[in-house]
Amino acid sequence: MSLLSYQPEITATRGFFYANVKGATNHFFNADDAKLHLFKNEDNVWTISVEQVISPVERYLFYIVLPSNFADDGKQHNFPFGPTEQPDQAVGQFRADGPAYHSVNGEIRVSLKNGRMKATFNFAANNGAGTIIASQGHLELQTAHGKFTAAFTDYPLPTPSFNANVLSIEKNWDWVGGRYYYLVIGEQTQALPPNRYLLSIQVYENVTLGKHKLGNDALDVGIVFADLNGLGIMRAYDGILTLTGLPKSGHAKGSFNCSMLKPDGKAFKVKGNFNVREPLPAD
């Protein structure tokens, strides 16, 4: 699998990422605020994907995959960079024009707790035609964190259960209703075979804690399942959503048990739990 073959569409990452690049390409990289991604990839490994867009034809990308034994315990961990993913070795890429530069050596010093990652790094990388050195790398990234899981009955999910590896809480304006609503989104993606699924819980700002009936006539809450592999978007037509934490507080928590219809008209059931916190403000 190419490192660049996976990137989630949703992001709730805030912070900064910069590094100085010299060698075959010389550039001071400072990631765009809207192009920060900190997430767990399809192998449940912490991954950083950030981009700087100078113009439609000038774009730069850093991509770092942390070792699978990296612990989010708040302590600093030091890992070497190498050319391949290993349990105790990080992998990095830098891309400008042309083929990506792949890490060959270097080091990252990184910590993570409650969705907040802090790190400094440097690595050498080549693409067969030239070499670059990424030095003075520094990042502080904060992402939504928690859990979003679900079990499906009578639906051909290729995995035993839904377990989101990307989480988000989004606030949106309903132009028709003239009020705000929140989306608690869990995304499960895998690269091979390529599959992507989203569960989204919609909660309007006036909703209170407790049990809420789901259905076509429910105006304040809803649950949507998106199978982005071709089967489309499906909405709960029956069921119960129980809220024990409201997304407007920054901590969405609860459970649900609902029924949906596949495009062929056949019913299936989804039962799940979520406990998601939005990115915390900076210290």
C-alpha atoms as a PDB file:
ATOM      1  CA  MET A   1       0.000   0.000   0.000  1.00  0.00           C
ATOM      2  CA  SER A   2       1.315   3.435  -0.884  1.00  0.00           C
ATOM      3  CA  LEU A   3       1.493   5.771   2.076  1.00  0.00           C
ATOM      4  CA  LEU A   4      -0.396   8.336   0.020  1.00  0.00           C
ATOM      5  CA  SER A   5      -3.251   5.977  -0.858  1.00  0.00           C
ATOM      6  CA  TYR A   6      -5.230   6.745   2.286  1.00  0.00           C
ATOM      7  CA  GLN A   7      -6.488  10.061   3.583  1.00  0.00           C
ATOM      8  CA  PRO A   8      -9.780  10.761   5.307  1.00  0.00           C
ATOM      9  CA  GLU A   9     -12.183  13.345   3.958  1.00  0.00           C
ATOM     10  CA  ILE A  10     -13.291  14.695   7.333  1.00  0.00           C
ATOM     11  CA  THR A  11     -10.958  16.422   9.704  1.00  0.00           C
ATOM     12  CA  ALA A  12     -11.322  18.057  13.076  1.00  0.00           C
ATOM     13  CA  THR A  13      -7.611  18.774  13.519  1.00  0.00           C
ATOM     14  CA  ARG A  14      -6.297  22.093  14.765  1.00  0.00           C
ATOM     15  CA  GLY A  15      -2.780  23.336  15.433  1.00  0.00           C
ATOM     16  CA  PHE A  16       0.362  23.804  13.333  1.00  0.00           C
ATOM     17  CA  PHE A  17       3.037  21.878  11.439  1.00  0.00           C
ATOM     18  CA  TYR A  18       6.212  23.316   9.947  1.00  0.00           C
ATOM     19  CA  ALA A  19       9.618  22.134   8.745  1.00  0.00           C
ATOM     20  CA  ASN A  20      12.579  23.400   6.741  1.00  0.00           C
ATOM     21  CA  VAL A  21      13.342  21.407   3.580  1.00  0.00           C
ATOM     22  CA  LYS A  22      16.739  21.608   1.829  1.00  0.00           C
ATOM     23  CA  GLY A  23      18.485  19.629  -0.875  1.00  0.00           C
ATOM     24  CA  ALA A  24      16.965  18.679  -4.209  1.00  0.00           C
ATOM     25  CA  THR A  25      14.030  20.904  -3.192  1.00  0.00           C
ATOM     26  CA  ASN A  26      14.397  23.965  -0.971  1.00  0.00           C
ATOM     27  CA  HIS A  27      11.252  25.117   0.801  1.00  0.00           C
ATOM     28  CA  PHE A  28      10.023  26.274   4.204  1.00  0.00           C
ATOM     29  CA  PHE A  29       6.897  24.196   4.792  1.00  0.00           C
ATOM     30  CA  ASN A  30       4.093  25.696   6.876  1.00  0.00           C
ATOM     31  CA  ALA A  31       0.896  23.633   6.660  1.00  0.00           C
ATOM     32  CA  ASP A  32      -2.414  25.316   5.871  1.00  0.00           C
ATOM     33  CA  ASP A  33      -4.850  25.404   8.812  1.00  0.00           C
ATOM     34  CA  ALA A  34      -7.515  23.660   6.723  1.00  0.00           C
ATOM     35  CA  LYS A  35      -5.105  20.923   5.579  1.00  0.00           C
ATOM     36  CA  LEU A  36      -4.153  19.409   8.939  1.00  0.00           C
ATOM     37  CA  HIS A  37      -5.055  15.740   9.418  1.00  0.00           C
ATOM     38  CA  LEU A  38      -4.244  13.641  12.483  1.00  0.00           C
ATOM     39  CA  PHE A  39      -6.006  10.286  12.429  1.00  0.00           C
ATOM     40  CA  LYS A  40      -5.658   6.525  12.770  1.00  0.00           C
ATOM     41  CA  ASN A  41      -5.215   4.778   9.435  1.00  0.00           C
ATOM     42  CA  GLU A  42      -6.840   1.532   8.308  1.00  0.00           C
ATOM     43  CA  ASP A  43      -4.286  -0.407  10.393  1.00  0.00           C
ATOM     44  CA  ASN A  44      -5.260   1.609  13.505  1.00  0.00           C
ATOM     45  CA  VAL A  45      -1.892   3.399  13.465  1.00  0.00           C
ATOM     46  CA  TRP A  46      -1.550   7.121  14.189  1.00  0.00           C
ATOM     47  CA  THR A  47      -0.913   9.041  10.995  1.00  0.00           C
ATOM     48  CA  ILE A  48      -0.188  12.677  10.117  1.00  0.00           C
ATOM     49  CA  SER A  49      -1.076  14.127   6.725  1.00  0.00           C
ATOM     50  CA  VAL A  50      -0.612  17.866   6.165  1.00  0.00           C
ATOM     51  CA  GLU A  51      -0.500  20.048   3.074  1.00  0.00           C
ATOM     52  CA  GLN A  52       0.561  23.531   2.031  1.00  0.00           C
ATOM     53  CA  VAL A  53      -1.064  24.973  -1.079  1.00  0.00           C
ATOM     54  CA  ILE A  54       0.787  27.903  -2.628  1.00  0.00           C
ATOM     55  CA  SER A  55      -1.180  27.902  -5.895  1.00  0.00           C
ATOM     56  CA  PRO A  56      -3.183  25.379  -7.967  1.00  0.00           C
ATOM     57  CA  VAL A  57       0.091  24.163  -9.474  1.00  0.00           C
ATOM     58  CA  GLU A  58       2.332  24.465  -6.399  1.00  0.00           C
ATOM     59  CA  ARG A  59       1.495  22.162  -3.509  1.00  0.00           C
ATOM     60  CA  TYR A  60       3.580  20.482  -0.806  1.00  0.00           C
ATOM     61  CA  LEU A  61       2.729  17.509   1.401  1.00  0.00           C
ATOM     62  CA  PHE A  62       4.175  15.839   4.484  1.00  0.00           C
ATOM     63  CA  TYR A  63       2.959  12.384   5.480  1.00  0.00           C
ATOM     64  CA  ILE A  64       4.185  10.582   8.616  1.00  0.00           C
ATOM     65  CA  VAL A  65       3.111   7.162   9.900  1.00  0.00           C
ATOM     66  CA  LEU A  66       4.058   6.479  13.514  1.00  0.00           C
ATOM     67  CA  PRO A  67       5.105   3.041  14.762  1.00  0.00           C
ATOM     68  CA  SER A  68       2.329   0.645  15.753  1.00  0.00           C
ATOM     69  CA  ASN A  69       3.723   0.433  19.301  1.00  0.00           C
ATOM     70  CA  PHE A  70       3.353   4.197  19.848  1.00  0.00           C
ATOM     71  CA  ALA A  71       1.363   4.745  23.054  1.00  0.00           C
ATOM     72  CA  ASP A  72      -0.906   7.759  23.635  1.00  0.00           C
ATOM     73  CA  ASP A  73       0.109   8.008  27.294  1.00  0.00           C
ATOM     74  CA  GLY A  74       1.294  11.626  27.282  1.00  0.00           C
ATOM     75  CA  LYS A  75       4.968  10.601  27.578  1.00  0.00           C
ATOM     76  CA  GLN A  76       7.601  11.502  25.017  1.00  0.00           C
ATOM     77  CA  HIS A  77       8.662   8.631  22.779  1.00  0.00           C
ATOM     78  CA  ASN A  78      11.653   8.708  20.441  1.00  0.00           C
ATOM     79  CA  PHE A  79      11.529   6.701  17.214  1.00  0.00           C
ATOM     80  CA  PRO A  80      13.896   6.445  14.242  1.00  0.00           C
ATOM     81  CA  PHE A  81      12.696   7.036  10.697  1.00  0.00           C
ATOM     82  CA  GLY A  82      13.207   4.329   8.106  1.00  0.00           C
ATOM     83  CA  PRO A  83      12.064   3.327   4.625  1.00  0.00           C
ATOM     84  CA  THR A  84       9.340   0.857   5.672  1.00  0.00           C
ATOM     85  CA  GLU A  85       6.674   0.602   8.368  1.00  0.00           C
ATOM     86  CA  GLN A  86       7.945  -1.321  11.396  1.00  0.00           C
ATOM     87  CA  PRO A  87       6.531  -1.748  14.947  1.00  0.00           C
ATOM     88  CA  ASP A  88       9.274   0.528  16.362  1.00  0.00           C
ATOM     89  CA  GLN A  89      10.043   2.717  13.350  1.00  0.00           C
ATOM     90  CA  ALA A  90       8.340   5.745  11.808  1.00  0.00           C
ATOM     91  CA  VAL A  91       7.999   6.366   8.075  1.00  0.00           C
ATOM     92  CA  GLY A  92       7.904   9.789   6.448  1.00  0.00           C
ATOM     93  CA  GLN A  93       7.286  11.262   3.033  1.00  0.00           C
ATOM     94  CA  PHE A  94       7.656  14.700   1.526  1.00  0.00           C
ATOM     95  CA  ARG A  95       6.123  15.545  -1.821  1.00  0.00           C
ATOM     96  CA  ALA A  96       6.591  18.556  -4.039  1.00  0.00           C
ATOM     97  CA  ASP A  97       6.536  18.227  -7.833  1.00  0.00           C
ATOM     98  CA  GLY A  98       7.240  14.720  -9.092  1.00  0.00           C
ATOM     99  CA  PRO A  99       7.703  11.508  -7.089  1.00  0.00           C
ATOM    100  CA  ALA A 100       7.541  11.581  -3.310  1.00  0.00           C
ATOM    101  CA  TYR A 101      10.709  11.585  -1.230  1.00  0.00           C
ATOM    102  CA  HIS A 102      10.725   8.546   1.111  1.00  0.00           C
ATOM    103  CA  SER A 103      12.463   8.639   4.487  1.00  0.00           C
ATOM    104  CA  VAL A 104      15.726   6.732   4.905  1.00  0.00           C
ATOM    105  CA  ASN A 105      16.808   7.868   8.383  1.00  0.00           C
ATOM    106  CA  GLY A 106      16.104  10.459  11.054  1.00  0.00           C
ATOM    107  CA  GLU A 107      14.191  10.746  14.325  1.00  0.00           C
ATOM    108  CA  ILE A 108      10.843  11.899  15.694  1.00  0.00           C
ATOM    109  CA  ARG A 109      10.214  12.781  19.359  1.00  0.00           C
ATOM    110  CA  VAL A 110       6.483  12.608  19.938  1.00  0.00           C
ATOM    111  CA  SER A 111       3.834  12.539  22.660  1.00  0.00           C
ATOM    112  CA  LEU A 112       0.066  12.197  22.558  1.00  0.00           C
ATOM    113  CA  LYS A 113      -2.685  12.425  25.157  1.00  0.00           C
ATOM    114  CA  ASN A 114      -6.407  13.149  24.812  1.00  0.00           C
ATOM    115  CA  GLY A 115      -6.026  13.684  21.089  1.00  0.00           C
ATOM    116  CA  ARG A 116      -3.241  16.268  21.446  1.00  0.00           C
ATOM    117  CA  MET A 117       0.044  15.420  19.716  1.00  0.00           C
ATOM    118  CA  LYS A 118       3.298  17.305  20.153  1.00  0.00           C
ATOM    119  CA  ALA A 119       6.429  16.394  18.208  1.00  0.00           C
ATOM    120  CA  THR A 120       9.739  17.554  16.793  1.00  0.00           C
ATOM    121  CA  PHE A 121      11.422  15.685  13.955  1.00  0.00           C
ATOM    122  CA  ASN A 122      14.032  15.578  11.233  1.00  0.00           C
ATOM    123  CA  PHE A 123      14.634  13.055   8.490  1.00  0.00           C
ATOM    124  CA  ALA A 124      16.513  12.497   5.251  1.00  0.00           C
ATOM    125  CA  ALA A 125      14.541  11.228   2.268  1.00  0.00           C
ATOM    126  CA  ASN A 126      15.136  10.429  -1.396  1.00  0.00           C
ATOM    127  CA  ASN A 127      13.095   9.614  -4.468  1.00  0.00           C
ATOM    128  CA  GLY A 128      15.747   7.907  -6.573  1.00  0.00           C
ATOM    129  CA  ALA A 129      16.681  11.117  -8.341  1.00  0.00           C
ATOM    130  CA  GLY A 130      17.588  13.340  -5.405  1.00  0.00           C
ATOM    131  CA  THR A 131      17.704  13.734  -1.629  1.00  0.00           C
ATOM    132  CA  ILE A 132      16.124  16.219   0.759  1.00  0.00           C
ATOM    133  CA  ILE A 133      16.653  16.905   4.444  1.00  0.00           C
ATOM    134  CA  ALA A 134      13.587  17.889   6.489  1.00  0.00           C
ATOM    135  CA  SER A 135      14.913  19.632   9.600  1.00  0.00           C
ATOM    136  CA  GLN A 136      13.572  21.717  12.484  1.00  0.00           C
ATOM    137  CA  GLY A 137      10.241  19.934  12.111  1.00  0.00           C
ATOM    138  CA  HIS A 138       7.748  20.948  14.786  1.00  0.00           C
ATOM    139  CA  LEU A 139       4.072  20.118  15.179  1.00  0.00           C
ATOM    140  CA  GLU A 140       1.279  20.498  17.704  1.00  0.00           C
ATOM    141  CA  LEU A 141      -1.970  18.934  16.532  1.00  0.00           C
ATOM    142  CA  GLN A 142      -5.246  18.458  18.360  1.00  0.00           C
ATOM    143  CA  THR A 143      -7.951  16.204  16.975  1.00  0.00           C
ATOM    144  CA  ALA A 144     -11.338  14.953  18.055  1.00  0.00           C
ATOM    145  CA  HIS A 145     -10.900  11.781  20.062  1.00  0.00           C
ATOM    146  CA  GLY A 146     -12.871   8.979  21.623  1.00  0.00           C
ATOM    147  CA  LYS A 147     -14.812   6.009  20.241  1.00  0.00           C
ATOM    148  CA  PHE A 148     -17.642   5.365  17.803  1.00  0.00           C
ATOM    149  CA  THR A 149     -18.629   1.731  17.310  1.00  0.00           C
ATOM    150  CA  ALA A 150     -21.643  -0.081  15.888  1.00  0.00           C
ATOM    151  CA  ALA A 151     -22.922  -3.553  15.002  1.00  0.00           C
ATOM    152  CA  PHE A 152     -24.875  -4.128  11.779  1.00  0.00           C
ATOM    153  CA  THR A 153     -27.533  -6.795  11.252  1.00  0.00           C
ATOM    154  CA  ASP A 154     -28.505  -7.864   7.714  1.00  0.00           C
ATOM    155  CA  TYR A 155     -26.017  -5.516   6.080  1.00  0.00           C
ATOM    156  CA  PRO A 156     -22.895  -6.712   4.173  1.00  0.00           C
ATOM    157  CA  LEU A 157     -20.261  -4.840   6.160  1.00  0.00           C
ATOM    158  CA  PRO A 158     -16.904  -6.467   5.283  1.00  0.00           C
ATOM    159  CA  THR A 159     -15.658  -6.199   8.871  1.00  0.00           C
ATOM    160  CA  PRO A 160     -17.141  -7.808  12.002  1.00  0.00           C
ATOM    161  CA  SER A 161     -18.297  -4.413  13.254  1.00  0.00           C
ATOM    162  CA  PHE A 162     -18.035  -0.690  12.564  1.00  0.00           C
ATOM    163  CA  ASN A 163     -15.157   0.918  14.476  1.00  0.00           C
ATOM    164  CA  ALA A 164     -14.413   4.496  13.398  1.00  0.00           C
ATOM    165  CA  ASN A 165     -10.782   5.448  12.908  1.00  0.00           C
ATOM    166  CA  VAL A 166     -11.570   9.116  12.166  1.00  0.00           C
ATOM    167  CA  LEU A 167     -13.843  11.195  14.425  1.00  0.00           C
ATOM    168  CA  SER A 168     -15.365  14.634  14.085  1.00  0.00           C
ATOM    169  CA  ILE A 169     -17.903  16.996  15.667  1.00  0.00           C
ATOM    170  CA  GLU A 170     -19.153  19.613  13.220  1.00  0.00           C
ATOM    171  CA  LYS A 171     -21.469  22.579  13.713  1.00  0.00           C
ATOM    172  CA  ASN A 172     -23.632  23.617  10.763  1.00  0.00           C
ATOM    173  CA  TRP A 173     -26.353  26.134   9.965  1.00  0.00           C
ATOM    174  CA  ASP A 174     -29.724  24.914   8.695  1.00  0.00           C
ATOM    175  CA  TRP A 175     -30.693  27.550   6.130  1.00  0.00           C
ATOM    176  CA  VAL A 176     -34.222  26.195   5.812  1.00  0.00           C
ATOM    177  CA  GLY A 177     -34.973  25.864   9.518  1.00  0.00           C
ATOM    178  CA  GLY A 178     -32.909  28.870  10.568  1.00  0.00           C
ATOM    179  CA  ARG A 179     -31.033  27.168  13.412  1.00  0.00           C
ATOM    180  CA  TYR A 180     -27.797  25.356  14.195  1.00  0.00           C
ATOM    181  CA  TYR A 181     -27.295  21.605  14.305  1.00  0.00           C
ATOM    182  CA  TYR A 182     -24.364  19.361  15.141  1.00  0.00           C
ATOM    183  CA  LEU A 183     -23.017  16.284  13.373  1.00  0.00           C
ATOM    184  CA  VAL A 184     -21.121  13.629  15.306  1.00  0.00           C
ATOM    185  CA  ILE A 185     -19.284  11.712  12.583  1.00  0.00           C
ATOM    186  CA  GLY A 186     -17.422   8.436  12.711  1.00  0.00           C
ATOM    187  CA  GLU A 187     -15.542   7.264   9.621  1.00  0.00           C
ATOM    188  CA  GLN A 188     -14.212   3.766   9.030  1.00  0.00           C
ATOM    189  CA  THR A 189     -11.885   3.401   6.077  1.00  0.00           C
ATOM    190  CA  GLN A 190      -9.654   0.635   4.849  1.00  0.00           C
ATOM    191  CA  ALA A 191      -7.276   0.726   1.897  1.00  0.00           C
ATOM    192  CA  LEU A 192      -7.363  -2.880   0.664  1.00  0.00           C
ATOM    193  CA  PRO A 193      -9.946  -3.707  -0.403  1.00  0.00           C
ATOM    194  CA  PRO A 194     -10.957  -0.042  -0.615  1.00  0.00           C
ATOM    195  CA  ASN A 195     -13.954   0.554   1.655  1.00  0.00           C
ATOM    196  CA  ARG A 196     -15.249   3.708   3.284  1.00  0.00           C
ATOM    197  CA  TYR A 197     -18.224   4.055   5.651  1.00  0.00           C
ATOM    198  CA  LEU A 198     -19.573   6.951   7.703  1.00  0.00           C
ATOM    199  CA  LEU A 199     -22.081   7.047  10.541  1.00  0.00           C
ATOM    200  CA  SER A 200     -23.391  10.510  11.319  1.00  0.00           C
ATOM    201  CA  ILE A 201     -25.608  11.551  14.240  1.00  0.00           C
ATOM    202  CA  GLN A 202     -27.516  14.795  13.710  1.00  0.00           C
ATOM    203  CA  VAL A 203     -28.538  16.760  16.798  1.00  0.00           C
ATOM    204  CA  TYR A 204     -30.118  20.223  16.702  1.00  0.00           C
ATOM    205  CA  GLU A 205     -29.006  22.772  19.290  1.00  0.00           C
ATOM    206  CA  ASN A 206     -32.333  22.736  21.168  1.00  0.00           C
ATOM    207  CA  VAL A 207     -32.120  18.988  21.916  1.00  0.00           C
ATOM    208  CA  THR A 208     -31.746  17.931  25.553  1.00  0.00           C
ATOM    209  CA  LEU A 209     -30.307  14.856  27.247  1.00  0.00           C
ATOM    210  CA  GLY A 210     -32.353  11.668  27.254  1.00  0.00           C
ATOM    211  CA  LYS A 211     -34.103   9.395  24.771  1.00  0.00           C
ATOM    212  CA  HIS A 212     -35.264  10.632  21.378  1.00  0.00           C
ATOM    213  CA  LYS A 213     -37.347   8.801  18.784  1.00  0.00           C
ATOM    214  CA  LEU A 214     -35.837   8.427  15.333  1.00  0.00           C
ATOM    215  CA  GLY A 215     -37.883   8.434  12.154  1.00  0.00           C
ATOM    216  CA  ASN A 216     -38.927  10.325   9.060  1.00  0.00           C
ATOM    217  CA  ASP A 217     -41.012  12.685  11.182  1.00  0.00           C
ATOM    218  CA  ALA A 218     -38.228  13.363  13.733  1.00  0.00           C
ATOM    219  CA  LEU A 219     -37.250  17.009  13.213  1.00  0.00           C
ATOM    220  CA  ASP A 220     -34.513  17.444  15.827  1.00  0.00           C
ATOM    221  CA  VAL A 221     -32.429  14.242  15.656  1.00  0.00           C
ATOM    222  CA  GLY A 222     -31.416  11.776  12.988  1.00  0.00           C
ATOM    223  CA  ILE A 223     -28.873   9.110  12.077  1.00  0.00           C
ATOM    224  CA  VAL A 224     -27.412   8.632   8.610  1.00  0.00           C
ATOM    225  CA  PHE A 225     -25.238   5.796   7.323  1.00  0.00           C
ATOM    226  CA  ALA A 226     -23.160   6.462   4.199  1.00  0.00           C
ATOM    227  CA  ASP A 227     -21.750   3.498   2.290  1.00  0.00           C
ATOM    228  CA  LEU A 228     -19.416   5.308  -0.076  1.00  0.00           C
ATOM    229  CA  ASN A 229     -18.531   2.138  -1.980  1.00  0.00           C
ATOM    230  CA  GLY A 230     -21.580   2.514  -4.198  1.00  0.00           C
ATOM    231  CA  LEU A 231     -24.662   1.708  -2.102  1.00  0.00           C
ATOM    232  CA  GLY A 232     -25.319   5.331  -1.155  1.00  0.00           C
ATOM    233  CA  ILE A 233     -26.771   7.162   1.846  1.00  0.00           C
ATOM    234  CA  MET A 234     -29.388   5.679   4.171  1.00  0.00           C
ATOM    235  CA  ARG A 235     -31.294   7.312   7.040  1.00  0.00           C
ATOM    236  CA  ALA A 236     -32.834   5.745  10.138  1.00  0.00           C
ATOM    237  CA  TYR A 237     -36.608   5.431   9.710  1.00  0.00           C
ATOM    238  CA  ASP A 238     -37.217   3.999  13.187  1.00  0.00           C
ATOM    239  CA  GLY A 239     -35.412   3.590  16.501  1.00  0.00           C
ATOM    240  CA  ILE A 240     -34.136   5.377  19.593  1.00  0.00           C
ATOM    241  CA  LEU A 241     -31.196   7.727  20.114  1.00  0.00           C
ATOM    242  CA  THR A 242     -30.120   8.143  23.748  1.00  0.00           C
ATOM    243  CA  LEU A 243     -27.978  11.178  24.537  1.00  0.00           C
ATOM    244  CA  THR A 244     -25.947  11.313  27.742  1.00  0.00           C
ATOM    245  CA  GLY A 245     -23.650  14.076  26.456  1.00  0.00           C
ATOM    246  CA  LEU A 246     -24.589  16.822  23.995  1.00  0.00           C
ATOM    247  CA  PRO A 247     -22.341  17.715  21.050  1.00  0.00           C
ATOM    248  CA  LYS A 248     -22.831  21.437  21.710  1.00  0.00           C
ATOM    249  CA  SER A 249     -20.931  20.905  24.971  1.00  0.00           C
ATOM    250  CA  GLY A 250     -17.965  19.541  23.007  1.00  0.00           C
ATOM    251  CA  HIS A 251     -18.529  16.032  24.379  1.00  0.00           C
ATOM    252  CA  ALA A 252     -21.043  13.931  22.467  1.00  0.00           C
ATOM    253  CA  LYS A 253     -21.941  10.700  24.217  1.00  0.00           C
ATOM    254  CA  GLY A 254     -24.734   8.170  23.909  1.00  0.00           C
ATOM    255  CA  SER A 255     -26.119   5.093  22.179  1.00  0.00           C
ATOM    256  CA  PHE A 256     -28.589   4.219  19.451  1.00  0.00           C
ATOM    257  CA  ASN A 257     -30.611   1.314  18.093  1.00  0.00           C
ATOM    258  CA  CYS A 258     -32.259   1.956  14.747  1.00  0.00           C
ATOM    259  CA  SER A 259     -33.562   0.526  11.476  1.00  0.00           C
ATOM    260  CA  MET A 260     -32.640   1.636   7.972  1.00  0.00           C
ATOM    261  CA  LEU A 261     -33.475   0.614   4.407  1.00  0.00           C
ATOM    262  CA  LYS A 262     -30.995  -0.476   1.767  1.00  0.00           C
ATOM    263  CA  PRO A 263     -31.470   0.910  -1.755  1.00  0.00           C
ATOM    264  CA  ASP A 264     -33.265  -2.338  -2.696  1.00  0.00           C
ATOM    265  CA  GLY A 265     -35.871  -1.679   0.017  1.00  0.00           C
ATOM    266  CA  LYS A 266     -34.673  -4.372   2.429  1.00  0.00           C
ATOM    267  CA  ALA A 267     -34.355  -3.376   6.095  1.00  0.00           C
ATOM    268  CA  PHE A 268     -31.265  -3.673   8.275  1.00  0.00           C
ATOM    269  CA  LYS A 269     -30.491  -2.701  11.865  1.00  0.00           C
ATOM    270  CA  VAL A 270     -27.675  -0.679  13.400  1.00  0.00           C
ATOM    271  CA  LYS A 271     -26.891  -0.613  17.117  1.00  0.00           C
ATOM    272  CA  GLY A 272     -24.017   1.432  18.475  1.00  0.00           C
ATOM    273  CA  ASN A 273     -22.320   3.660  21.019  1.00  0.00           C
ATOM    274  CA  PHE A 274     -20.328   6.876  20.735  1.00  0.00           C
ATOM    275  CA  ASN A 275     -18.173   8.911  23.087  1.00  0.00           C
ATOM    276  CA  VAL A 276     -16.492  11.698  21.133  1.00  0.00           C
ATOM    277  CA  ARG A 277     -14.790  14.869  22.332  1.00  0.00           C
ATOM    278  CA  GLU A 278     -14.059  17.751  19.978  1.00  0.00           C
ATOM    279  CA  PRO A 279     -10.561  19.263  19.768  1.00  0.00           C
ATOM    280  CA  LEU A 280      -9.584  21.013  22.980  1.00  0.00           C
ATOM    281  CA  PRO A 281      -8.518  24.673  22.954  1.00  0.00           C
ATOM    282  CA  ALA A 282      -4.819  25.421  23.165  1.00  0.00           C
ATOM    283  CA  ASP A 283      -3.210  25.606  26.597  1.00  0.00           C
END
